[in-house]
């Protein structure tokens, strides 16, 4: 018996976009493989010859999808009832979310599904609240409609997804599934969905979070406040017990790790629990108090400025209470690499 298999390098094998750079292919061959090739392939299949390989080159316009670990026994036990309930068809919201999450967990971090009623009452209402006359005035919505929707919209099922791994570029710019990945999900859904349903793969609305207090209004925006100014000028003042032996750098790193860990677990439609995150920081060894500061203004504990990067002049808020994301919204901490530079240590 012969067993042929592919060995994966896991994370070490990931490559960035355009890393192949027109690389040529190498034709695999061995005497053993040649001996069994006629058994495993049909006689009418045509194979690429070594001569033809010289005219074929590879390039990758997108980075590798991060690898996922194999399902554990516990994962399989938890999934089995859902597999049975779905019956390999897409009818309910739960069917869509479970099946797409399960089959595409190598490219999707999370999936939420909205009916046409939800889309009209929530998504279009959101765009109306920030001053757009209709949702299609937003470039991303229009793009999704053109690629994945028919001229009718009364039977649409809207699938919102966040890419697996880091959902942003350098912690600043949101990332979305590319058209090829969206097409894979559309094709997967085609033979499982109800004949009257039309699946639209949509990009979520990203909400950026950063330390934020208005220099003039505190928890309210002043007339001349901009998102960029508040983000740049606000910092976190952390009061430390003067007898604490840990140095300032170690404390800043612990706060950085605490914030990063919290936002790494955020999914579509989650609550950003500012109180819990504040408590997580205050519970760090030696920390006795926490204030968010901008000039002469300060707010006890954590205060965030939250904004939509595409509409930061019309969709922005200063938030020291919990923040509820909608199912089509995803939250991330803006520029986390700069967190330690935004922390001032005060020892008392």
Protein backbone atom coordinates (compact mmCIF):
# COMPACT_ATOMS: atom_id res chain seq x y z
CA UNK A 1 0.00 0.00 0.00
CA UNK A 2 1.22 3.47 -0.86
CA UNK A 3 0.11 6.62 0.94
CA UNK A 4 0.78 10.05 -0.62
CA UNK A 5 0.09 13.15 1.46
CA UNK A 6 0.88 16.85 1.67
CA UNK A 7 2.80 18.12 4.66
CA UNK A 8 1.79 21.60 5.86
CA UNK A 9 4.19 24.11 7.39
CA UNK A 10 1.24 25.72 9.23
CA UNK A 11 2.05 29.32 10.22
CA UNK A 12 5.59 29.02 8.83
CA UNK A 13 4.13 28.44 5.38
CA UNK A 14 2.06 31.62 5.25
CA UNK A 15 3.03 34.15 2.59
CA UNK A 16 2.06 37.73 1.88
CA UNK A 17 0.38 39.10 -1.24
CA UNK A 18 2.46 38.91 -4.46
CA UNK A 19 5.05 36.73 -2.67
CA UNK A 20 5.08 34.15 -5.49
CA UNK A 21 6.12 36.84 -7.96
CA UNK A 22 5.61 34.82 -11.15
CA UNK A 23 7.16 31.62 -9.79
CA UNK A 24 7.21 28.58 -12.05
CA UNK A 25 5.72 25.19 -11.19
CA UNK A 26 7.62 21.97 -10.52
CA UNK A 27 6.00 18.76 -11.76
CA UNK A 28 5.87 16.09 -9.06
CA UNK A 29 6.75 12.59 -10.15
CA UNK A 30 8.02 9.25 -8.92
CA UNK A 31 8.04 5.71 -10.23
CA UNK A 32 5.59 4.63 -7.53
CA UNK A 33 3.20 7.46 -8.36
CA UNK A 34 3.36 6.68 -12.08
CA UNK A 35 2.47 3.07 -11.27
CA UNK A 36 -0.81 3.99 -9.56
CA UNK A 37 -1.74 7.06 -11.62
CA UNK A 38 -3.89 5.05 -14.01
CA UNK A 39 -5.92 3.72 -11.07
CA UNK A 40 -6.71 7.04 -9.40
CA UNK A 41 -7.33 9.13 -12.53
CA UNK A 42 -9.74 8.67 -15.44
CA UNK A 43 -8.24 7.81 -18.80
CA UNK A 44 -9.90 10.81 -20.44
CA UNK A 45 -8.25 13.35 -18.11
CA UNK A 46 -5.54 15.51 -19.68
CA UNK A 47 -2.39 16.30 -17.67
CA UNK A 48 0.01 19.19 -17.97
CA UNK A 49 3.26 18.11 -19.54
CA UNK A 50 6.75 19.19 -18.40
CA UNK A 51 7.10 21.25 -21.58
CA UNK A 52 3.86 23.12 -20.92
CA UNK A 53 4.99 24.01 -17.38
CA UNK A 54 7.55 26.45 -18.79
CA UNK A 55 4.67 28.64 -19.98
CA UNK A 56 2.74 28.62 -16.69
CA UNK A 57 3.55 31.00 -13.84
CA UNK A 58 1.98 31.57 -10.46
CA UNK A 59 1.20 34.77 -8.59
CA UNK A 60 -0.93 35.51 -5.55
CA UNK A 61 -2.81 38.77 -5.29
CA UNK A 62 -3.86 38.06 -1.70
CA UNK A 63 -2.03 36.81 1.37
CA UNK A 64 -2.40 33.26 2.68
CA UNK A 65 -5.47 32.44 4.72
CA UNK A 66 -4.27 31.70 8.27
CA UNK A 67 -4.30 27.96 9.04
CA UNK A 68 -6.81 26.56 11.50
CA UNK A 69 -6.25 23.69 13.92
CA UNK A 70 -8.11 20.44 13.32
CA UNK A 71 -11.35 19.89 15.22
CA UNK A 72 -10.95 18.27 18.60
CA UNK A 73 -13.19 15.45 19.83
CA UNK A 74 -15.03 18.02 21.97
CA UNK A 75 -15.52 20.28 18.92
CA UNK A 76 -17.00 17.37 16.97
CA UNK A 77 -19.38 16.49 19.83
CA UNK A 78 -20.59 20.10 20.00
CA UNK A 79 -20.99 20.35 16.23
CA UNK A 80 -22.81 17.06 15.65
CA UNK A 81 -26.29 18.28 16.79
CA UNK A 82 -25.97 21.38 14.61
CA UNK A 83 -24.93 19.30 11.60
CA UNK A 84 -27.98 17.09 12.09
CA UNK A 85 -30.31 20.07 12.57
CA UNK A 86 -29.07 21.84 9.43
CA UNK A 87 -29.56 18.70 7.27
CA UNK A 88 -27.08 20.20 4.79
CA UNK A 89 -29.55 22.89 3.77
CA UNK A 90 -29.76 26.65 4.23
CA UNK A 91 -33.17 27.83 5.34
CA UNK A 92 -32.96 29.54 8.72
CA UNK A 93 -30.56 32.19 9.95
CA UNK A 94 -28.91 29.59 12.20
CA UNK A 95 -28.41 27.28 9.20
CA UNK A 96 -26.54 29.95 7.29
CA UNK A 97 -24.37 31.05 10.20
CA UNK A 98 -23.45 27.53 11.27
CA UNK A 99 -22.80 26.08 7.82
CA UNK A 100 -20.72 29.01 6.55
CA UNK A 101 -18.76 29.22 9.80
CA UNK A 102 -18.07 25.49 9.67
CA UNK A 103 -17.07 25.20 6.02
CA UNK A 104 -15.16 28.46 5.72
CA UNK A 105 -13.54 28.86 9.13
CA UNK A 106 -10.18 29.09 7.38
CA UNK A 107 -11.18 32.43 5.86
CA UNK A 108 -13.99 33.70 8.12
CA UNK A 109 -13.57 34.77 11.73
CA UNK A 110 -17.29 35.27 12.29
CA UNK A 111 -20.54 35.23 10.31
CA UNK A 112 -23.84 36.98 10.94
CA UNK A 113 -26.91 36.73 8.72
CA UNK A 114 -29.63 39.35 8.30
CA UNK A 115 -32.96 38.88 6.61
CA UNK A 116 -34.22 41.50 4.19
CA UNK A 117 -36.42 42.87 6.97
CA UNK A 118 -33.44 43.18 9.32
CA UNK A 119 -31.39 44.78 6.57
CA UNK A 120 -34.05 47.38 5.87
CA UNK A 121 -34.78 48.21 9.50
CA UNK A 122 -31.20 48.13 10.79
CA UNK A 123 -28.58 48.60 8.08
CA UNK A 124 -30.45 51.13 5.95
CA UNK A 125 -31.59 52.89 9.12
CA UNK A 126 -27.96 53.18 10.21
CA UNK A 127 -26.93 54.80 6.92
CA UNK A 128 -29.89 57.15 7.11
CA UNK A 129 -28.78 58.21 10.61
CA UNK A 130 -25.35 59.29 9.30
CA UNK A 131 -26.80 61.28 6.42
CA UNK A 132 -26.88 58.92 3.43
CA UNK A 133 -30.08 59.12 1.44
CA UNK A 134 -29.96 55.39 0.74
CA UNK A 135 -27.66 52.48 1.50
CA UNK A 136 -26.46 52.17 -2.07
CA UNK A 137 -24.83 55.58 -1.72
CA UNK A 138 -22.17 53.68 0.23
CA UNK A 139 -19.58 52.24 -2.17
CA UNK A 140 -19.26 48.90 -0.36
CA UNK A 141 -22.99 48.22 -0.30
CA UNK A 142 -23.28 49.13 -3.98
CA UNK A 143 -20.34 46.84 -4.82
CA UNK A 144 -21.91 43.90 -2.97
CA UNK A 145 -25.26 44.47 -4.66
CA UNK A 146 -23.69 44.59 -8.13
CA UNK A 147 -21.60 41.44 -7.62
CA UNK A 148 -23.96 39.21 -5.66
CA UNK A 149 -27.53 40.47 -5.92
CA UNK A 150 -30.27 40.43 -8.54
CA UNK A 151 -32.39 43.44 -9.42
CA UNK A 152 -34.93 42.42 -6.78
CA UNK A 153 -34.20 42.79 -3.07
CA UNK A 154 -37.29 41.51 -1.27
CA UNK A 155 -35.86 37.97 -0.89
CA UNK A 156 -32.22 38.78 -0.11
CA UNK A 157 -30.28 37.05 2.65
CA UNK A 158 -27.37 39.25 3.74
CA UNK A 159 -24.26 37.43 4.96
CA UNK A 160 -21.81 39.58 6.92
CA UNK A 161 -18.34 38.15 7.47
CA UNK A 162 -15.05 39.20 9.05
CA UNK A 163 -11.79 37.66 7.73
CA UNK A 164 -9.99 35.24 10.01
CA UNK A 165 -6.85 36.34 11.81
CA UNK A 166 -6.14 40.05 12.13
CA UNK A 167 -9.16 41.90 10.77
CA UNK A 168 -7.13 45.05 10.01
CA UNK A 169 -3.99 46.11 8.20
CA UNK A 170 -1.42 47.25 10.77
CA UNK A 171 -4.23 47.75 13.27
CA UNK A 172 -5.56 50.75 11.34
CA UNK A 173 -7.30 49.91 8.05
CA UNK A 174 -10.16 47.34 8.02
CA UNK A 175 -9.76 44.20 5.91
CA UNK A 176 -12.57 42.46 4.06
CA UNK A 177 -13.00 39.15 2.27
CA UNK A 178 -11.80 39.45 -1.30
CA UNK A 179 -14.20 38.84 -4.23
CA UNK A 180 -12.91 35.30 -4.86
CA UNK A 181 -13.55 34.30 -1.23
CA UNK A 182 -17.03 35.83 -1.35
CA UNK A 183 -17.72 33.92 -4.55
CA UNK A 184 -16.76 30.65 -2.86
CA UNK A 185 -19.39 31.25 -0.18
CA UNK A 186 -21.99 32.21 -2.80
CA UNK A 187 -21.35 29.04 -4.81
CA UNK A 188 -21.43 26.92 -1.64
CA UNK A 189 -24.85 28.38 -0.77
CA UNK A 190 -26.34 28.00 -4.23
CA UNK A 191 -27.35 24.32 -4.05
CA UNK A 192 -28.35 24.40 -0.38
CA UNK A 193 -30.50 27.51 -0.12
CA UNK A 194 -34.20 27.90 -0.72
CA UNK A 195 -34.89 28.52 -4.42
CA UNK A 196 -36.48 31.91 -3.66
CA UNK A 197 -33.56 33.23 -1.60
CA UNK A 198 -30.81 35.42 -3.00
CA UNK A 199 -27.57 35.38 -1.00
CA UNK A 200 -25.66 38.67 -0.79
CA UNK A 201 -22.16 38.54 0.75
CA UNK A 202 -21.77 41.93 2.42
CA UNK A 203 -18.91 43.76 4.12
CA UNK A 204 -19.47 44.63 7.79
CA UNK A 205 -19.23 48.14 9.16
CA UNK A 206 -16.05 48.48 11.20
CA UNK A 207 -16.02 50.56 14.37
CA UNK A 208 -12.62 51.77 15.56
CA UNK A 209 -11.96 52.25 19.28
CA UNK A 210 -9.23 54.41 20.82
CA UNK A 211 -8.66 56.25 24.10
CA UNK A 212 -10.81 59.35 23.77
CA UNK A 213 -11.81 62.46 25.70
CA UNK A 214 -12.64 65.89 24.28
CA UNK A 215 -10.30 68.64 25.50
CA UNK A 216 -13.22 71.05 25.66
CA UNK A 217 -16.28 68.89 26.12
CA UNK A 218 -15.05 65.91 28.10
CA UNK A 219 -17.56 63.22 27.15
CA UNK A 220 -19.14 65.43 24.47
CA UNK A 221 -17.62 66.73 21.25
CA UNK A 222 -16.65 70.38 21.04
CA UNK A 223 -17.58 72.31 17.90
CA UNK A 224 -14.02 72.13 16.55
CA UNK A 225 -13.16 68.61 17.70
CA UNK A 226 -12.00 66.10 15.12
CA UNK A 227 -11.49 62.37 15.53
CA UNK A 228 -7.82 62.62 14.62
CA UNK A 229 -7.13 65.35 17.18
CA UNK A 230 -8.85 63.46 20.00
CA UNK A 231 -7.07 60.21 19.12
CA UNK A 232 -3.69 61.94 18.94
CA UNK A 233 -4.07 64.03 22.12
CA UNK A 234 -5.76 61.58 24.49
CA UNK A 235 -3.77 59.29 26.74
CA UNK A 236 -4.35 56.88 29.62
CA UNK A 237 -3.03 57.94 33.03
CA UNK A 238 -2.42 54.91 35.22
CA UNK A 239 -1.81 55.46 38.93
CA UNK A 240 0.52 52.89 40.48
CA UNK A 241 1.25 52.16 44.12
CA UNK A 242 4.60 53.84 44.77
CA UNK A 243 5.79 50.69 46.54
CA UNK A 244 5.18 48.54 43.47
CA UNK A 245 8.43 46.94 42.31
CA UNK A 246 7.43 46.39 38.66
CA UNK A 247 8.97 48.99 36.36
CA UNK A 248 6.85 51.26 34.17
CA UNK A 249 7.65 49.36 30.98
CA UNK A 250 6.41 46.07 32.41
CA UNK A 251 3.13 47.65 33.55
CA UNK A 252 2.57 49.27 30.14
CA UNK A 253 3.20 45.94 28.41
CA UNK A 254 0.70 44.20 30.69
CA UNK A 255 -1.95 46.83 29.87
CA UNK A 256 -1.16 46.47 26.16
CA UNK A 257 -1.61 42.69 26.39
CA UNK A 258 -4.86 43.08 28.35
CA UNK A 259 -6.42 45.37 25.74
CA UNK A 260 -5.18 43.29 22.81
CA UNK A 261 -6.49 40.06 24.32
CA UNK A 262 -9.90 41.60 24.93
CA UNK A 263 -10.35 42.93 21.38
CA UNK A 264 -8.94 39.73 19.85
CA UNK A 265 -12.09 37.93 21.05
CA UNK A 266 -14.61 40.49 19.76
CA UNK A 267 -17.09 39.22 17.17
CA UNK A 268 -19.82 40.77 15.05
CA UNK A 269 -22.63 42.23 17.16
CA UNK A 270 -20.78 41.95 20.48
CA UNK A 271 -20.96 44.32 23.42
CA UNK A 272 -17.72 46.19 24.07
CA UNK A 273 -17.83 45.96 27.85
CA UNK A 274 -15.91 49.05 28.92
CA UNK A 275 -16.54 48.33 32.61
CA UNK A 276 -15.05 44.82 32.36
CA UNK A 277 -12.04 46.07 30.44
CA UNK A 278 -11.52 48.84 33.03
CA UNK A 279 -11.65 46.27 35.83
CA UNK A 280 -9.17 44.04 33.99
CA UNK A 281 -6.68 46.90 33.93
CA UNK A 282 -7.31 48.04 37.51
CA UNK A 283 -6.79 44.45 38.67
CA UNK A 284 -3.26 44.47 37.27
CA UNK A 285 -0.77 44.23 40.12
CA UNK A 286 0.02 47.66 41.56
CA UNK A 287 -2.64 49.64 39.66
CA UNK A 288 -4.79 51.79 41.96
CA UNK A 289 -6.57 54.19 39.58
CA UNK A 290 -7.19 54.86 35.91
CA UNK A 291 -8.08 58.09 34.07
CA UNK A 292 -8.51 58.96 30.40
CA UNK A 293 -7.00 62.41 29.84
CA UNK A 294 -6.87 65.06 27.11
CA UNK A 295 -5.39 68.41 28.12
CA UNK A 296 -7.36 69.71 31.11
CA UNK A 297 -10.19 67.24 30.62
CA UNK A 298 -10.22 63.81 32.21
CA UNK A 299 -12.70 60.99 32.77
CA UNK A 300 -12.30 58.40 35.51
CA UNK A 301 -11.59 54.91 34.18
CA UNK A 302 -11.60 54.09 30.47
CA UNK A 303 -13.20 56.37 27.91
CA UNK A 304 -13.16 55.54 24.21
CA UNK A 305 -13.77 57.50 21.08
CA UNK A 306 -15.65 55.20 18.69
CA UNK A 307 -15.98 55.94 14.99
CA UNK A 308 -16.61 54.49 11.55
CA UNK A 309 -13.34 54.97 9.59
CA UNK A 310 -15.33 55.61 6.38
CA UNK A 311 -17.57 58.27 7.97
CA UNK A 312 -15.58 59.63 10.89
CA UNK A 313 -17.14 63.10 10.69
CA UNK A 314 -20.72 61.83 10.98
CA UNK A 315 -20.43 58.55 12.90
CA UNK A 316 -18.45 59.19 16.08
CA UNK A 317 -19.10 59.12 19.80
CA UNK A 318 -17.18 59.39 23.07
CA UNK A 319 -18.08 56.36 25.15
CA UNK A 320 -17.26 55.57 28.76
CA UNK A 321 -20.15 53.09 29.07
CA UNK A 322 -20.65 49.75 27.35
CA UNK A 323 -21.01 49.93 23.56
CA UNK A 324 -23.43 47.61 21.74
CA UNK A 325 -22.39 46.68 18.22
CA UNK A 326 -25.11 45.63 15.80
CA UNK A 327 -24.88 42.28 14.00
CA UNK A 328 -23.44 43.95 10.91
CA UNK A 329 -20.80 45.86 12.90
CA UNK A 330 -17.34 44.78 14.07
CA UNK A 331 -15.18 46.55 16.66
CA UNK A 332 -11.39 46.77 16.80
CA UNK A 333 -8.83 48.77 18.76
CA UNK A 334 -7.24 51.41 16.54
CA UNK A 335 -3.46 51.25 16.13
CA UNK A 336 -2.78 48.90 19.08
CA UNK A 337 0.98 49.08 18.42
CA UNK A 338 0.85 52.61 19.84
CA UNK A 339 -0.89 51.69 23.13
CA UNK A 340 2.25 51.78 25.29
CA UNK A 341 3.05 55.26 23.95
CA UNK A 342 -0.40 56.44 25.05
CA UNK A 343 0.05 55.40 28.69
CA UNK A 344 1.45 57.71 31.39
CA UNK A 345 2.43 56.14 34.70
CA UNK A 346 1.85 58.10 37.92
CA UNK A 347 3.26 56.63 41.16
CA UNK A 348 1.67 57.54 44.48
